[in-house]
C-alpha cells in the first residue's frame, strides 16, 4: 500500500480550496461553461459514490469491526460525509434501487 499522501491539516486545506473552487464555478458568466463544469462535477461524484458504496457494503459484511477504525480517521470520515454516508452509522449502508 502506498504511504499517506496528505496529513489531516493538508487534507483540510485541500478540502477548503476545493470548496472555494466550486463556489467560484458558480460565478462563471458563460452558461455553457458553467453547465459543463457542473456536469463534470456530477459525474465525478457518481464515479466515486458507487464504488465507495460497494466498498462499505463489503466491509460491513466481511469486516464489521473495521467500521470503528474507519470512523476514527479524519480523511475517511470526511469522505463518508461528502458522499452522504453517515460515518457514525455505517451499519445501515444499503443501495436503494
Protein backbone atom coordinates (compact mmCIF):
# COMPACT_ATOMS: atom_id res chain seq x y z
CA UNK A 1 0.00 0.00 0.00
CA UNK A 2 1.26 3.49 -0.82
CA UNK A 3 2.16 5.83 2.02
CA UNK A 4 -0.24 8.52 3.18
CA UNK A 5 -0.09 11.45 0.76
CA UNK A 6 -1.52 14.21 2.96
CA UNK A 7 -1.72 14.71 6.68
CA UNK A 8 -5.03 15.86 8.18
CA UNK A 9 -4.09 19.55 8.08
CA UNK A 10 -3.08 19.35 4.42
CA UNK A 11 -6.23 17.39 3.59
CA UNK A 12 -8.38 20.02 5.30
CA UNK A 13 -6.65 22.75 3.29
CA UNK A 14 -7.29 20.82 0.08
CA UNK A 15 -10.97 20.44 1.01
CA UNK A 16 -11.29 24.14 1.73
CA UNK A 17 -9.65 25.02 -1.58
CA UNK A 18 -11.92 22.63 -3.45
CA UNK A 19 -14.97 24.23 -1.82
CA UNK A 20 -13.70 27.64 -2.91
CA UNK A 21 -13.23 26.41 -6.48
CA UNK A 22 -16.79 25.07 -6.57
CA UNK A 23 -18.09 28.41 -5.26
CA UNK A 24 -16.09 30.23 -7.93
CA UNK A 25 -17.50 27.98 -10.63
CA UNK A 26 -20.98 29.23 -9.75
CA UNK A 27 -19.93 32.75 -10.68
CA UNK A 28 -18.86 31.87 -14.22
CA UNK A 29 -20.85 34.05 -16.57
CA UNK A 30 -20.72 31.80 -19.63
CA UNK A 31 -23.70 29.48 -19.13
CA UNK A 32 -22.32 26.72 -21.36
CA UNK A 33 -19.05 26.60 -19.42
CA UNK A 34 -20.91 26.66 -16.09
CA UNK A 35 -23.12 23.74 -17.18
CA UNK A 36 -20.07 21.84 -18.45
CA UNK A 37 -18.28 22.20 -15.10
CA UNK A 38 -21.44 21.20 -13.25
CA UNK A 39 -21.74 18.08 -15.40
CA UNK A 40 -18.12 17.14 -14.76
CA UNK A 41 -18.61 17.50 -11.00
CA UNK A 42 -21.84 15.48 -11.13
CA UNK A 43 -20.23 12.55 -12.93
CA UNK A 44 -17.07 12.77 -10.81
CA UNK A 45 -19.36 12.37 -7.78
CA UNK A 46 -21.22 9.42 -9.31
CA UNK A 47 -17.99 7.76 -10.41
CA UNK A 48 -16.82 7.70 -6.79
CA UNK A 49 -20.12 7.24 -4.96
CA UNK A 50 -20.95 3.80 -6.39
CA UNK A 51 -17.56 2.13 -5.71
CA UNK A 52 -17.46 3.70 -2.25
CA UNK A 53 -20.90 2.31 -1.52
CA UNK A 54 -19.81 -1.15 -2.64
CA UNK A 55 -16.61 -1.00 -0.58
CA UNK A 56 -18.57 -0.02 2.53
CA UNK A 57 -21.06 -2.84 1.95
CA UNK A 58 -18.17 -5.32 1.59
CA UNK A 59 -16.55 -4.00 4.77
CA UNK A 60 -19.83 -4.23 6.66
CA UNK A 61 -20.48 -7.81 5.57
CA UNK A 62 -16.93 -9.18 5.83
CA UNK A 63 -15.18 -6.98 8.41
CA UNK A 64 -17.83 -5.33 10.58
CA UNK A 65 -15.31 -4.33 13.26
CA UNK A 66 -13.31 -2.33 10.72
CA UNK A 67 -16.00 0.37 10.62
CA UNK A 68 -14.94 1.59 14.07
CA UNK A 69 -11.39 2.09 12.85
CA UNK A 70 -12.61 3.93 9.75
CA UNK A 71 -14.72 6.31 11.82
CA UNK A 72 -11.62 7.47 13.68
CA UNK A 73 -9.73 8.60 10.57
CA UNK A 74 -10.39 12.27 9.74
CA UNK A 75 -9.98 11.94 5.99
CA UNK A 76 -12.15 8.82 5.76
CA UNK A 77 -14.83 10.43 7.92
CA UNK A 78 -14.75 13.49 5.67
CA UNK A 79 -15.12 11.34 2.56
CA UNK A 80 -18.04 9.46 4.08
CA UNK A 81 -19.74 12.75 4.90
CA UNK A 82 -19.11 14.13 1.41
CA UNK A 83 -20.86 11.14 -0.12
CA UNK A 84 -23.71 11.18 2.39
CA UNK A 85 -22.61 8.04 4.19
CA UNK A 86 -23.03 8.87 7.83
CA UNK A 87 -19.69 7.97 9.31
CA UNK A 88 -21.31 7.32 12.67
CA UNK A 89 -23.92 4.99 11.19
CA UNK A 90 -22.10 2.64 8.83
CA UNK A 91 -24.13 -0.50 9.61
CA UNK A 92 -27.13 0.54 7.50
CA UNK A 93 -25.40 1.25 4.20
CA UNK A 94 -27.70 -0.12 1.54
CA UNK A 95 -28.11 0.90 -2.06
CA UNK A 96 -31.70 1.79 -2.89
CA UNK A 97 -32.89 0.62 -6.28
